[in-house]
């Protein structure tokens, strides 16, 4: 998932070049994502997935699926999810969207966001 704007990053943990977030400190983290897409074909399955560390290479299984739905018919669709994880320092995550049919992520404003907070 390519997030092109950073609103607040206290420890500079988001790597814009690799589009992933890396924990600088060990601890418990809450990860929240909300992804808006264009309207979907009726019955299209989309999944919002969290991948962690290098063991999750392209095509591999997700660490967790934050949302999994069959949708269609609206002006836009949305996927969202929240998970709490205990991470070691230097752990990193990336968010991916899988879709049975072509879909576009809607950028801008509050339509698509990723929030990670240390607890």
PDB file of N, CA and C in Angstrom:
ATOM      1  N   UNK A   1       0.862  -1.158   0.000  1.00  0.00           N
ATOM      2  CA  UNK A   1       0.000   0.000   0.000  1.00  0.00           C
ATOM      3  C   UNK A   1       0.903   1.213   0.000  1.00  0.00           C
ATOM      4  N   UNK A   2       0.698   2.103  -0.903  1.00  0.00           N
ATOM      5  CA  UNK A   2       1.547   3.278  -1.013  1.00  0.00           C
ATOM      6  C   UNK A   2       0.837   4.476  -0.379  1.00  0.00           C
ATOM      7  N   UNK A   3       1.301   4.896   0.764  1.00  0.00           N
ATOM      8  CA  UNK A   3       0.753   6.078   1.434  1.00  0.00           C
ATOM      9  C   UNK A   3       1.664   7.251   1.102  1.00  0.00           C
ATOM     10  N   UNK A   4       1.122   8.261   0.409  1.00  0.00           N
ATOM     11  CA  UNK A   4       1.984   9.313  -0.115  1.00  0.00           C
ATOM     12  C   UNK A   4       2.044  10.564   0.743  1.00  0.00           C
ATOM     13  N   UNK A   5       1.444  10.530   1.918  1.00  0.00           N
ATOM     14  CA  UNK A   5       1.480  11.706   2.792  1.00  0.00           C
ATOM     15  C   UNK A   5       1.639  11.243   4.234  1.00  0.00           C
ATOM     16  N   UNK A   6       2.542  11.879   4.949  1.00  0.00           N
ATOM     17  CA  UNK A   6       2.752  11.557   6.357  1.00  0.00           C
ATOM     18  C   UNK A   6       2.275  12.755   7.166  1.00  0.00           C
ATOM     19  N   UNK A   7       1.296  12.545   8.033  1.00  0.00           N
ATOM     20  CA  UNK A   7       0.774  13.637   8.843  1.00  0.00           C
ATOM     21  C   UNK A   7       1.569  13.822  10.129  1.00  0.00           C
ATOM     22  N   UNK A   8       1.970  12.715  10.738  1.00  0.00           N
ATOM     23  CA  UNK A   8       2.691  12.795  11.999  1.00  0.00           C
ATOM     24  C   UNK A   8       3.478  11.506  12.189  1.00  0.00           C
ATOM     25  N   UNK A   9       4.769  11.608  12.369  1.00  0.00           N
ATOM     26  CA  UNK A   9       5.629  10.444  12.550  1.00  0.00           C
ATOM     27  C   UNK A   9       6.692  10.808  13.575  1.00  0.00           C
ATOM     28  N   UNK A  10       6.366  10.605  14.849  1.00  0.00           N
ATOM     29  CA  UNK A  10       7.209  11.053  15.953  1.00  0.00           C
ATOM     30  C   UNK A  10       8.622  10.486  15.890  1.00  0.00           C
ATOM     31  N   UNK A  11       8.757   9.214  15.531  1.00  0.00           N
ATOM     32  CA  UNK A  11      10.068   8.565  15.541  1.00  0.00           C
ATOM     33  C   UNK A  11      10.605   8.291  14.141  1.00  0.00           C
ATOM     34  N   UNK A  12      10.010   8.891  13.114  1.00  0.00           N
ATOM     35  CA  UNK A  12      10.360   8.634  11.711  1.00  0.00           C
ATOM     36  C   UNK A  12      10.461   7.129  11.428  1.00  0.00           C
ATOM     37  N   UNK A  13       9.362   6.433  11.711  1.00  0.00           N
ATOM     38  CA  UNK A  13       9.328   4.981  11.528  1.00  0.00           C
ATOM     39  C   UNK A  13       8.752   4.557  10.171  1.00  0.00           C
ATOM     40  N   UNK A  14       8.111   5.472   9.452  1.00  0.00           N
ATOM     41  CA  UNK A  14       7.567   5.126   8.141  1.00  0.00           C
ATOM     42  C   UNK A  14       8.620   5.361   7.076  1.00  0.00           C
ATOM     43  N   UNK A  15       8.903   4.327   6.274  1.00  0.00           N
ATOM     44  CA  UNK A  15       9.891   4.419   5.208  1.00  0.00           C
ATOM     45  C   UNK A  15       9.172   4.701   3.898  1.00  0.00           C
ATOM     46  N   UNK A  16       9.197   5.939   3.463  1.00  0.00           N
ATOM     47  CA  UNK A  16       8.479   6.327   2.248  1.00  0.00           C
ATOM     48  C   UNK A  16       9.024   5.627   1.012  1.00  0.00           C
ATOM     49  N   UNK A  17      10.322   5.353   0.970  1.00  0.00           N
ATOM     50  CA  UNK A  17      10.902   4.710  -0.213  1.00  0.00           C
ATOM     51  C   UNK A  17      10.437   3.270  -0.366  1.00  0.00           C
ATOM     52  N   UNK A  18      10.241   2.553   0.730  1.00  0.00           N
ATOM     53  CA  UNK A  18       9.795   1.161   0.664  1.00  0.00           C
ATOM     54  C   UNK A  18       8.325   0.988   0.972  1.00  0.00           C
ATOM     55  N   UNK A  19       7.650   2.102   1.318  1.00  0.00           N
ATOM     56  CA  UNK A  19       6.227   2.076   1.669  1.00  0.00           C
ATOM     57  C   UNK A  19       5.916   1.062   2.762  1.00  0.00           C
ATOM     58  N   UNK A  20       6.729   1.078   3.786  1.00  0.00           N
ATOM     59  CA  UNK A  20       6.454   0.212   4.937  1.00  0.00           C
ATOM     60  C   UNK A  20       6.863   0.938   6.209  1.00  0.00           C
ATOM     61  N   UNK A  21       6.348   0.427   7.312  1.00  0.00           N
ATOM     62  CA  UNK A  21       6.583   1.026   8.620  1.00  0.00           C
ATOM     63  C   UNK A  21       7.471   0.078   9.422  1.00  0.00           C
ATOM     64  N   UNK A  22       8.505   0.630  10.058  1.00  0.00           N
ATOM     65  CA  UNK A  22       9.447  -0.185  10.845  1.00  0.00           C
ATOM     66  C   UNK A  22       9.482   0.331  12.283  1.00  0.00           C
ATOM     67  N   UNK A  23       9.278  -0.576  13.239  1.00  0.00           N
ATOM     68  CA  UNK A  23       9.302  -0.216  14.664  1.00  0.00           C
ATOM     69  C   UNK A  23      10.740   0.082  15.093  1.00  0.00           C
ATOM     70  N   UNK A  24      10.945   1.233  15.699  1.00  0.00           N
ATOM     71  CA  UNK A  24      12.264   1.556  16.236  1.00  0.00           C
ATOM     72  C   UNK A  24      12.416   1.063  17.668  1.00  0.00           C
ATOM     73  N   UNK A  25      11.271   0.825  18.332  1.00  0.00           N
ATOM     74  CA  UNK A  25      11.287   0.348  19.714  1.00  0.00           C
ATOM     75  C   UNK A  25      10.405  -0.881  19.838  1.00  0.00           C
ATOM     76  N   UNK A  26      10.800  -1.803  20.712  1.00  0.00           N
ATOM     77  CA  UNK A  26       9.947  -2.950  21.005  1.00  0.00           C
ATOM     78  C   UNK A  26       8.750  -2.477  21.824  1.00  0.00           C
ATOM     79  N   UNK A  27       7.631  -3.154  21.665  1.00  0.00           N
ATOM     80  CA  UNK A  27       6.464  -2.789  22.452  1.00  0.00           C
ATOM     81  C   UNK A  27       5.175  -3.251  21.814  1.00  0.00           C
ATOM     82  N   UNK A  28       4.067  -2.851  22.441  1.00  0.00           N
ATOM     83  CA  UNK A  28       2.744  -3.167  21.917  1.00  0.00           C
ATOM     84  C   UNK A  28       2.288  -2.017  21.016  1.00  0.00           C
ATOM     85  N   UNK A  29       1.754  -2.371  19.855  1.00  0.00           N
ATOM     86  CA  UNK A  29       1.324  -1.379  18.877  1.00  0.00           C
ATOM     87  C   UNK A  29      -0.102  -1.675  18.425  1.00  0.00           C
ATOM     88  N   UNK A  30      -0.840  -0.615  18.172  1.00  0.00           N
ATOM     89  CA  UNK A  30      -2.171  -0.731  17.556  1.00  0.00           C
ATOM     90  C   UNK A  30      -2.047  -0.224  16.122  1.00  0.00           C
ATOM     91  N   UNK A  31      -2.478  -1.061  15.173  1.00  0.00           N
ATOM     92  CA  UNK A  31      -2.403  -0.741  13.754  1.00  0.00           C
ATOM     93  C   UNK A  31      -3.824  -0.621  13.229  1.00  0.00           C
ATOM     94  N   UNK A  32      -4.145   0.529  12.642  1.00  0.00           N
ATOM     95  CA  UNK A  32      -5.472   0.767  12.093  1.00  0.00           C
ATOM     96  C   UNK A  32      -5.324   1.196  10.636  1.00  0.00           C
ATOM     97  N   UNK A  33      -6.140   0.609   9.776  1.00  0.00           N
ATOM     98  CA  UNK A  33      -6.107   0.975   8.360  1.00  0.00           C
ATOM     99  C   UNK A  33      -7.524   1.132   7.836  1.00  0.00           C
ATOM    100  N   UNK A  34      -7.697   2.102   6.967  1.00  0.00           N
ATOM    101  CA  UNK A  34      -8.967   2.321   6.271  1.00  0.00           C
ATOM    102  C   UNK A  34      -8.615   2.629   4.823  1.00  0.00           C
ATOM    103  N   UNK A  35      -9.086   1.798   3.915  1.00  0.00           N
ATOM    104  CA  UNK A  35      -8.726   1.904   2.507  1.00  0.00           C
ATOM    105  C   UNK A  35      -9.999   2.054   1.681  1.00  0.00           C
ATOM    106  N   UNK A  36     -10.112   3.144   0.931  1.00  0.00           N
ATOM    107  CA  UNK A  36     -11.243   3.338   0.030  1.00  0.00           C
ATOM    108  C   UNK A  36     -10.841   2.916  -1.374  1.00  0.00           C
ATOM    109  N   UNK A  37     -11.743   2.241  -2.063  1.00  0.00           N
ATOM    110  CA  UNK A  37     -11.496   1.833  -3.440  1.00  0.00           C
ATOM    111  C   UNK A  37     -12.624   2.349  -4.325  1.00  0.00           C
ATOM    112  N   UNK A  38     -12.412   2.253  -5.630  1.00  0.00           N
ATOM    113  CA  UNK A  38     -13.484   2.611  -6.548  1.00  0.00           C
ATOM    114  C   UNK A  38     -14.631   1.602  -6.397  1.00  0.00           C
ATOM    115  N   UNK A  39     -15.748   1.859  -7.049  1.00  0.00           N
ATOM    116  CA  UNK A  39     -16.883   0.939  -6.938  1.00  0.00           C
ATOM    117  C   UNK A  39     -16.487  -0.425  -7.490  1.00  0.00           C
ATOM    118  N   UNK A  40     -17.055  -1.470  -6.916  1.00  0.00           N
ATOM    119  CA  UNK A  40     -16.659  -2.834  -7.245  1.00  0.00           C
ATOM    120  C   UNK A  40     -17.746  -3.567  -8.030  1.00  0.00           C
ATOM    121  N   UNK A  41     -17.310  -4.538  -8.802  1.00  0.00           N
ATOM    122  CA  UNK A  41     -18.232  -5.431  -9.488  1.00  0.00           C
ATOM    123  C   UNK A  41     -19.009  -6.193  -8.425  1.00  0.00           C
ATOM    124  N   UNK A  42     -20.305  -6.341  -8.617  1.00  0.00           N
ATOM    125  CA  UNK A  42     -21.122  -7.039  -7.629  1.00  0.00           C
ATOM    126  C   UNK A  42     -20.572  -8.441  -7.379  1.00  0.00           C
ATOM    127  N   UNK A  43     -20.342  -8.761  -6.130  1.00  0.00           N
ATOM    128  CA  UNK A  43     -19.801 -10.063  -5.755  1.00  0.00           C
ATOM    129  C   UNK A  43     -18.293 -10.148  -5.748  1.00  0.00           C
ATOM    130  N   UNK A  44     -17.597  -9.054  -6.045  1.00  0.00           N
ATOM    131  CA  UNK A  44     -16.135  -9.062  -6.027  1.00  0.00           C
ATOM    132  C   UNK A  44     -15.622  -9.247  -4.605  1.00  0.00           C
ATOM    133  N   UNK A  45     -14.632 -10.107  -4.444  1.00  0.00           N
ATOM    134  CA  UNK A  45     -14.021 -10.317  -3.128  1.00  0.00           C
ATOM    135  C   UNK A  45     -12.757  -9.482  -3.021  1.00  0.00           C
ATOM    136  N   UNK A  46     -12.666  -8.678  -1.966  1.00  0.00           N
ATOM    137  CA  UNK A  46     -11.454  -7.909  -1.673  1.00  0.00           C
ATOM    138  C   UNK A  46     -10.999  -8.231  -0.263  1.00  0.00           C
ATOM    139  N   UNK A  47      -9.689  -8.210  -0.056  1.00  0.00           N
ATOM    140  CA  UNK A  47      -9.126  -8.526   1.248  1.00  0.00           C
ATOM    141  C   UNK A  47      -8.062  -7.503   1.608  1.00  0.00           C
ATOM    142  N   UNK A  48      -8.096  -7.062   2.846  1.00  0.00           N
ATOM    143  CA  UNK A  48      -7.093  -6.147   3.390  1.00  0.00           C
ATOM    144  C   UNK A  48      -6.171  -6.975   4.271  1.00  0.00           C
ATOM    145  N   UNK A  49      -4.885  -7.007   3.925  1.00  0.00           N
ATOM    146  CA  UNK A  49      -3.957  -7.906   4.598  1.00  0.00           C
ATOM    147  C   UNK A  49      -2.787  -7.159   5.224  1.00  0.00           C
ATOM    148  N   UNK A  50      -2.336  -7.660   6.362  1.00  0.00           N
ATOM    149  CA  UNK A  50      -1.153  -7.158   7.042  1.00  0.00           C
ATOM    150  C   UNK A  50      -0.037  -8.176   6.853  1.00  0.00           C
ATOM    151  N   UNK A  51       1.090  -7.728   6.329  1.00  0.00           N
ATOM    152  CA  UNK A  51       2.268  -8.580   6.162  1.00  0.00           C
ATOM    153  C   UNK A  51       3.369  -8.072   7.072  1.00  0.00           C
ATOM    154  N   UNK A  52       4.175  -9.000   7.607  1.00  0.00           N
ATOM    155  CA  UNK A  52       5.235  -8.624   8.543  1.00  0.00           C
ATOM    156  C   UNK A  52       6.576  -9.201   8.127  1.00  0.00           C
ATOM    157  N   UNK A  53       7.618  -8.384   8.211  1.00  0.00           N
ATOM    158  CA  UNK A  53       9.016  -8.788   8.080  1.00  0.00           C
ATOM    159  C   UNK A  53       9.302  -9.476   6.747  1.00  0.00           C
ATOM    160  N   UNK A  54      10.531  -9.848   6.518  1.00  0.00           N
ATOM    161  CA  UNK A  54      10.934 -10.401   5.228  1.00  0.00           C
ATOM    162  C   UNK A  54      10.375 -11.787   4.952  1.00  0.00           C
ATOM    163  N   UNK A  55       9.864 -12.488   5.948  1.00  0.00           N
ATOM    164  CA  UNK A  55       9.302 -13.814   5.709  1.00  0.00           C
ATOM    165  C   UNK A  55       8.047 -13.745   4.846  1.00  0.00           C
ATOM    166  N   UNK A  56       7.463 -12.558   4.738  1.00  0.00           N
ATOM    167  CA  UNK A  56       6.245 -12.376   3.951  1.00  0.00           C
ATOM    168  C   UNK A  56       6.601 -11.765   2.604  1.00  0.00           C
ATOM    169  N   UNK A  57       7.148 -12.574   1.707  1.00  0.00           N
ATOM    170  CA  UNK A  57       7.519 -12.072   0.381  1.00  0.00           C
ATOM    171  C   UNK A  57       6.293 -12.025  -0.520  1.00  0.00           C
ATOM    172  N   UNK A  58       6.436 -11.413  -1.686  1.00  0.00           N
ATOM    173  CA  UNK A  58       5.314 -11.296  -2.629  1.00  0.00           C
ATOM    174  C   UNK A  58       4.717 -12.676  -2.912  1.00  0.00           C
ATOM    175  N   UNK A  59       3.405 -12.757  -2.862  1.00  0.00           N
ATOM    176  CA  UNK A  59       2.710 -14.005  -3.145  1.00  0.00           C
ATOM    177  C   UNK A  59       2.528 -14.900  -1.932  1.00  0.00           C
ATOM    178  N   UNK A  60       3.083 -14.525  -0.804  1.00  0.00           N
ATOM    179  CA  UNK A  60       2.974 -15.363   0.390  1.00  0.00           C
ATOM    180  C   UNK A  60       1.696 -15.040   1.157  1.00  0.00           C
ATOM    181  N   UNK A  61       1.437 -15.823   2.176  1.00  0.00           N
ATOM    182  CA  UNK A  61       0.253 -15.608   3.011  1.00  0.00           C
ATOM    183  C   UNK A  61       0.452 -14.398   3.910  1.00  0.00           C
ATOM    184  N   UNK A  62      -0.636 -13.764   4.246  1.00  0.00           N
ATOM    185  CA  UNK A  62      -0.595 -12.612   5.136  1.00  0.00           C
ATOM    186  C   UNK A  62      -0.396 -13.057   6.578  1.00  0.00           C
ATOM    187  N   UNK A  63       0.151 -12.166   7.394  1.00  0.00           N
ATOM    188  CA  UNK A  63       0.209 -12.417   8.835  1.00  0.00           C
ATOM    189  C   UNK A  63      -1.212 -12.420   9.385  1.00  0.00           C
ATOM    190  N   UNK A  64      -2.020 -11.482   8.918  1.00  0.00           N
ATOM    191  CA  UNK A  64      -3.427 -11.396   9.338  1.00  0.00           C
ATOM    192  C   UNK A  64      -4.224 -10.704   8.246  1.00  0.00           C
ATOM    193  N   UNK A  65      -5.473 -11.140   8.069  1.00  0.00           N
ATOM    194  CA  UNK A  65      -6.399 -10.436   7.185  1.00  0.00           C
ATOM    195  C   UNK A  65      -7.254  -9.533   8.061  1.00  0.00           C
ATOM    196  N   UNK A  66      -7.162  -8.232   7.831  1.00  0.00           N
ATOM    197  CA  UNK A  66      -7.882  -7.270   8.645  1.00  0.00           C
ATOM    198  C   UNK A  66      -9.325  -7.119   8.184  1.00  0.00           C
ATOM    199  N   UNK A  67      -9.588  -7.401   6.920  1.00  0.00           N
ATOM    200  CA  UNK A  67     -10.942  -7.300   6.377  1.00  0.00           C
ATOM    201  C   UNK A  67     -11.032  -8.233   5.173  1.00  0.00           C
ATOM    202  N   UNK A  68     -12.161  -8.846   4.995  1.00  0.00           N
ATOM    203  CA  UNK A  68     -12.382  -9.797   3.912  1.00  0.00           C
ATOM    204  C   UNK A  68     -13.851  -9.709   3.555  1.00  0.00           C
ATOM    205  N   UNK A  69     -14.176  -9.169   2.397  1.00  0.00           N
ATOM    206  CA  UNK A  69     -15.587  -8.961   2.095  1.00  0.00           C
ATOM    207  C   UNK A  69     -15.905  -9.138   0.620  1.00  0.00           C
ATOM    208  N   UNK A  70     -17.166  -9.423   0.369  1.00  0.00           N
ATOM    209  CA  UNK A  70     -17.710  -9.483  -0.983  1.00  0.00           C
ATOM    210  C   UNK A  70     -18.627  -8.280  -1.115  1.00  0.00           C
ATOM    211  N   UNK A  71     -18.303  -7.392  -2.051  1.00  0.00           N
ATOM    212  CA  UNK A  71     -18.998  -6.118  -2.134  1.00  0.00           C
ATOM    213  C   UNK A  71     -19.339  -5.757  -3.571  1.00  0.00           C
ATOM    214  N   UNK A  72     -20.133  -4.740  -3.736  1.00  0.00           N
ATOM    215  CA  UNK A  72     -20.414  -4.233  -5.069  1.00  0.00           C
ATOM    216  C   UNK A  72     -21.546  -3.233  -5.070  1.00  0.00           C
ATOM    217  N   UNK A  73     -21.635  -2.470  -6.180  1.00  0.00           N
ATOM    218  CA  UNK A  73     -22.792  -1.639  -6.425  1.00  0.00           C
ATOM    219  C   UNK A  73     -22.750  -0.205  -5.961  1.00  0.00           C
ATOM    220  N   UNK A  74     -21.870   0.199  -5.063  1.00  0.00           N
ATOM    221  CA  UNK A  74     -21.858   1.570  -4.544  1.00  0.00           C
ATOM    222  C   UNK A  74     -20.926   2.461  -5.357  1.00  0.00           C
ATOM    223  N   UNK A  75     -20.921   3.757  -5.047  1.00  0.00           N
ATOM    224  CA  UNK A  75     -19.997   4.689  -5.698  1.00  0.00           C
ATOM    225  C   UNK A  75     -18.552   4.419  -5.302  1.00  0.00           C
ATOM    226  N   UNK A  76     -18.375   3.898  -4.112  1.00  0.00           N
ATOM    227  CA  UNK A  76     -17.042   3.492  -3.672  1.00  0.00           C
ATOM    228  C   UNK A  76     -17.204   2.365  -2.658  1.00  0.00           C
ATOM    229  N   UNK A  77     -16.108   1.693  -2.367  1.00  0.00           N
ATOM    230  CA  UNK A  77     -16.102   0.617  -1.382  1.00  0.00           C
ATOM    231  C   UNK A  77     -15.007   0.913  -0.369  1.00  0.00           C
ATOM    232  N   UNK A  78     -15.048   0.239   0.755  1.00  0.00           N
ATOM    233  CA  UNK A  78     -14.035   0.487   1.785  1.00  0.00           C
ATOM    234  C   UNK A  78     -13.690  -0.803   2.499  1.00  0.00           C
ATOM    235  N   UNK A  79     -12.442  -0.897   2.897  1.00  0.00           N
ATOM    236  CA  UNK A  79     -11.919  -1.984   3.712  1.00  0.00           C
ATOM    237  C   UNK A  79     -11.305  -1.340   4.942  1.00  0.00           C
ATOM    238  N   UNK A  80     -11.484  -1.961   6.099  1.00  0.00           N
ATOM    239  CA  UNK A  80     -10.894  -1.393   7.304  1.00  0.00           C
ATOM    240  C   UNK A  80     -10.568  -2.505   8.286  1.00  0.00           C
ATOM    241  N   UNK A  81      -9.693  -2.189   9.213  1.00  0.00           N
ATOM    242  CA  UNK A  81      -9.363  -3.166  10.234  1.00  0.00           C
ATOM    243  C   UNK A  81      -8.404  -2.611  11.261  1.00  0.00           C
ATOM    244  N   UNK A  82      -8.399  -3.241  12.419  1.00  0.00           N
ATOM    245  CA  UNK A  82      -7.517  -2.867  13.526  1.00  0.00           C
ATOM    246  C   UNK A  82      -6.954  -4.135  14.142  1.00  0.00           C
ATOM    247  N   UNK A  83      -5.688  -4.087  14.499  1.00  0.00           N
ATOM    248  CA  UNK A  83      -5.064  -5.230  15.166  1.00  0.00           C
ATOM    249  C   UNK A  83      -4.039  -4.688  16.152  1.00  0.00           C
ATOM    250  N   UNK A  84      -3.876  -5.377  17.273  1.00  0.00           N
ATOM    251  CA  UNK A  84      -2.839  -5.033  18.241  1.00  0.00           C
ATOM    252  C   UNK A  84      -1.783  -6.125  18.212  1.00  0.00           C
ATOM    253  N   UNK A  85      -0.523  -5.701  18.159  1.00  0.00           N
ATOM    254  CA  UNK A  85       0.588  -6.636  18.061  1.00  0.00           C
ATOM    255  C   UNK A  85       1.701  -6.256  19.023  1.00  0.00           C
ATOM    256  N   UNK A  86       2.397  -7.253  19.509  1.00  0.00           N
ATOM    257  CA  UNK A  86       3.624  -7.014  20.259  1.00  0.00           C
ATOM    258  C   UNK A  86       4.768  -7.193  19.272  1.00  0.00           C
ATOM    259  N   UNK A  87       5.528  -6.119  19.048  1.00  0.00           N
ATOM    260  CA  UNK A  87       6.593  -6.129  18.051  1.00  0.00           C
ATOM    261  C   UNK A  87       7.954  -5.946  18.694  1.00  0.00           C
ATOM    262  N   UNK A  88       8.950  -6.543  18.090  1.00  0.00           N
ATOM    263  CA  UNK A  88      10.332  -6.320  18.485  1.00  0.00           C
ATOM    264  C   UNK A  88      10.855  -5.118  17.710  1.00  0.00           C
ATOM    265  N   UNK A  89      11.911  -4.502  18.210  1.00  0.00           N
ATOM    266  CA  UNK A  89      12.543  -3.405  17.475  1.00  0.00           C
ATOM    267  C   UNK A  89      13.005  -3.932  16.127  1.00  0.00           C
ATOM    268  N   UNK A  90      12.866  -3.142  15.105  1.00  0.00           N
ATOM    269  CA  UNK A  90      13.219  -3.450  13.709  1.00  0.00           C
ATOM    270  C   UNK A  90      12.216  -4.346  12.998  1.00  0.00           C
ATOM    271  N   UNK A  91      11.113  -4.717  13.645  1.00  0.00           N
ATOM    272  CA  UNK A  91      10.033  -5.403  12.926  1.00  0.00           C
ATOM    273  C   UNK A  91       9.411  -4.401  11.972  1.00  0.00           C
ATOM    274  N   UNK A  92       8.963  -4.879  10.821  1.00  0.00           N
ATOM    275  CA  UNK A  92       8.290  -3.957   9.918  1.00  0.00           C
ATOM    276  C   UNK A  92       7.017  -4.575   9.361  1.00  0.00           C
ATOM    277  N   UNK A  93       6.108  -3.702   8.954  1.00  0.00           N
ATOM    278  CA  UNK A  93       4.829  -4.149   8.409  1.00  0.00           C
ATOM    279  C   UNK A  93       4.553  -3.445   7.096  1.00  0.00           C
ATOM    280  N   UNK A  94       3.757  -4.088   6.274  1.00  0.00           N
ATOM    281  CA  UNK A  94       3.175  -3.411   5.122  1.00  0.00           C
ATOM    282  C   UNK A  94       1.745  -3.903   4.951  1.00  0.00           C
ATOM    283  N   UNK A  95       0.920  -3.051   4.368  1.00  0.00           N
ATOM    284  CA  UNK A  95      -0.507  -3.314   4.190  1.00  0.00           C
ATOM    285  C   UNK A  95      -0.743  -3.579   2.712  1.00  0.00           C
ATOM    286  N   UNK A  96      -1.501  -4.647   2.399  1.00  0.00           N
ATOM    287  CA  UNK A  96      -1.778  -4.992   1.006  1.00  0.00           C
ATOM    288  C   UNK A  96      -3.268  -5.215   0.809  1.00  0.00           C
ATOM    289  N   UNK A  97      -3.733  -4.902  -0.394  1.00  0.00           N
ATOM    290  CA  UNK A  97      -5.127  -5.136  -0.769  1.00  0.00           C
ATOM    291  C   UNK A  97      -5.130  -6.138  -1.917  1.00  0.00           C
ATOM    292  N   UNK A  98      -5.918  -7.203  -1.763  1.00  0.00           N
ATOM    293  CA  UNK A  98      -6.083  -8.209  -2.804  1.00  0.00           C
ATOM    294  C   UNK A  98      -7.505  -8.121  -3.329  1.00  0.00           C
ATOM    295  N   UNK A  99      -7.673  -8.232  -4.628  1.00  0.00           N
ATOM    296  CA  UNK A  99      -8.995  -8.124  -5.226  1.00  0.00           C
ATOM    297  C   UNK A  99      -9.123  -9.130  -6.366  1.00  0.00           C
ATOM    298  N   UNK A 100     -10.301  -9.749  -6.507  1.00  0.00           N
ATOM    299  CA  UNK A 100     -10.533 -10.681  -7.605  1.00  0.00           C
ATOM    300  C   UNK A 100     -10.566  -9.957  -8.942  1.00  0.00           C
ATOM    301  N   UNK A 101     -11.037  -8.727  -8.948  1.00  0.00           N
ATOM    302  CA  UNK A 101     -11.127  -7.932 -10.166  1.00  0.00           C
ATOM    303  C   UNK A 101     -10.301  -6.666  -9.992  1.00  0.00           C
ATOM    304  N   UNK A 102     -10.052  -5.985 -11.099  1.00  0.00           N
ATOM    305  CA  UNK A 102      -9.280  -4.747 -11.048  1.00  0.00           C
ATOM    306  C   UNK A 102      -9.940  -3.753 -10.089  1.00  0.00           C
ATOM    307  N   UNK A 103      -9.136  -3.119  -9.281  1.00  0.00           N
ATOM    308  CA  UNK A 103      -9.637  -2.083  -8.377  1.00  0.00           C
ATOM    309  C   UNK A 103      -8.593  -0.988  -8.237  1.00  0.00           C
ATOM    310  N   UNK A 104      -9.039   0.219  -7.974  1.00  0.00           N
ATOM    311  CA  UNK A 104      -8.142   1.345  -7.744  1.00  0.00           C
ATOM    312  C   UNK A 104      -8.326   1.850  -6.326  1.00  0.00           C
ATOM    313  N   UNK A 105      -7.226   2.184  -5.671  1.00  0.00           N
ATOM    314  CA  UNK A 105      -7.270   2.778  -4.345  1.00  0.00           C
ATOM    315  C   UNK A 105      -7.557   4.275  -4.522  1.00  0.00           C
ATOM    316  N   UNK A 106      -8.508   4.801  -3.749  1.00  0.00           N
ATOM    317  CA  UNK A 106      -8.839   6.228  -3.829  1.00  0.00           C
ATOM    318  C   UNK A 106      -7.954   6.998  -2.854  1.00  0.00           C
ATOM    319  N   UNK A 107      -7.109   7.884  -3.359  1.00  0.00           N
ATOM    320  CA  UNK A 107      -6.194   8.623  -2.496  1.00  0.00           C
ATOM    321  C   UNK A 107      -6.841   9.872  -1.909  1.00  0.00           C
ATOM    322  N   UNK A 108      -6.145  10.450  -0.947  1.00  0.00           N
ATOM    323  CA  UNK A 108      -6.489  11.783  -0.477  1.00  0.00           C
ATOM    324  C   UNK A 108      -7.377  11.836   0.736  1.00  0.00           C
ATOM    325  N   UNK A 109      -7.279  12.968   1.432  1.00  0.00           N
ATOM    326  CA  UNK A 109      -8.130  13.251   2.584  1.00  0.00           C
ATOM    327  C   UNK A 109      -8.157  12.133   3.599  1.00  0.00           C
ATOM    328  N   UNK A 110      -9.329  11.925   4.172  1.00  0.00           N
ATOM    329  CA  UNK A 110      -9.503  10.867   5.158  1.00  0.00           C
ATOM    330  C   UNK A 110      -9.988   9.580   4.541  1.00  0.00           C
ATOM    331  N   UNK A 111      -9.883   9.465   3.220  1.00  0.00           N
ATOM    332  CA  UNK A 111     -10.409   8.284   2.534  1.00  0.00           C
ATOM    333  C   UNK A 111      -9.544   7.060   2.712  1.00  0.00           C
ATOM    334  N   UNK A 112      -8.244   7.264   2.791  1.00  0.00           N
ATOM    335  CA  UNK A 112      -7.305   6.157   2.926  1.00  0.00           C
ATOM    336  C   UNK A 112      -6.274   6.545   3.961  1.00  0.00           C
ATOM    337  N   UNK A 113      -6.184   5.757   5.035  1.00  0.00           N
ATOM    338  CA  UNK A 113      -5.201   6.122   6.049  1.00  0.00           C
ATOM    339  C   UNK A 113      -4.664   4.894   6.776  1.00  0.00           C
ATOM    340  N   UNK A 114      -3.495   5.068   7.356  1.00  0.00           N
ATOM    341  CA  UNK A 114      -2.844   4.076   8.188  1.00  0.00           C
ATOM    342  C   UNK A 114      -2.420   4.788   9.464  1.00  0.00           C
ATOM    343  N   UNK A 115      -2.839   4.268  10.619  1.00  0.00           N
ATOM    344  CA  UNK A 115      -2.461   4.846  11.904  1.00  0.00           C
ATOM    345  C   UNK A 115      -1.816   3.757  12.744  1.00  0.00           C
ATOM    346  N   UNK A 116      -0.625   4.048  13.255  1.00  0.00           N
ATOM    347  CA  UNK A 116       0.083   3.089  14.112  1.00  0.00           C
ATOM    348  C   UNK A 116       0.465   3.841  15.389  1.00  0.00           C
ATOM    349  N   UNK A 117       0.039   3.310  16.513  1.00  0.00           N
ATOM    350  CA  UNK A 117       0.364   3.963  17.783  1.00  0.00           C
ATOM    351  C   UNK A 117       0.952   2.949  18.750  1.00  0.00           C
ATOM    352  N   UNK A 118       1.956   3.404  19.489  1.00  0.00           N
ATOM    353  CA  UNK A 118       2.591   2.558  20.496  1.00  0.00           C
ATOM    354  C   UNK A 118       1.821   2.696  21.795  1.00  0.00           C
ATOM    355  N   UNK A 119       1.525   1.575  22.433  1.00  0.00           N
ATOM    356  CA  UNK A 119       0.710   1.586  23.642  1.00  0.00           C
ATOM    357  C   UNK A 119       1.578   1.442  24.867  1.00  0.00           C
TER     358      UNK A 119
END
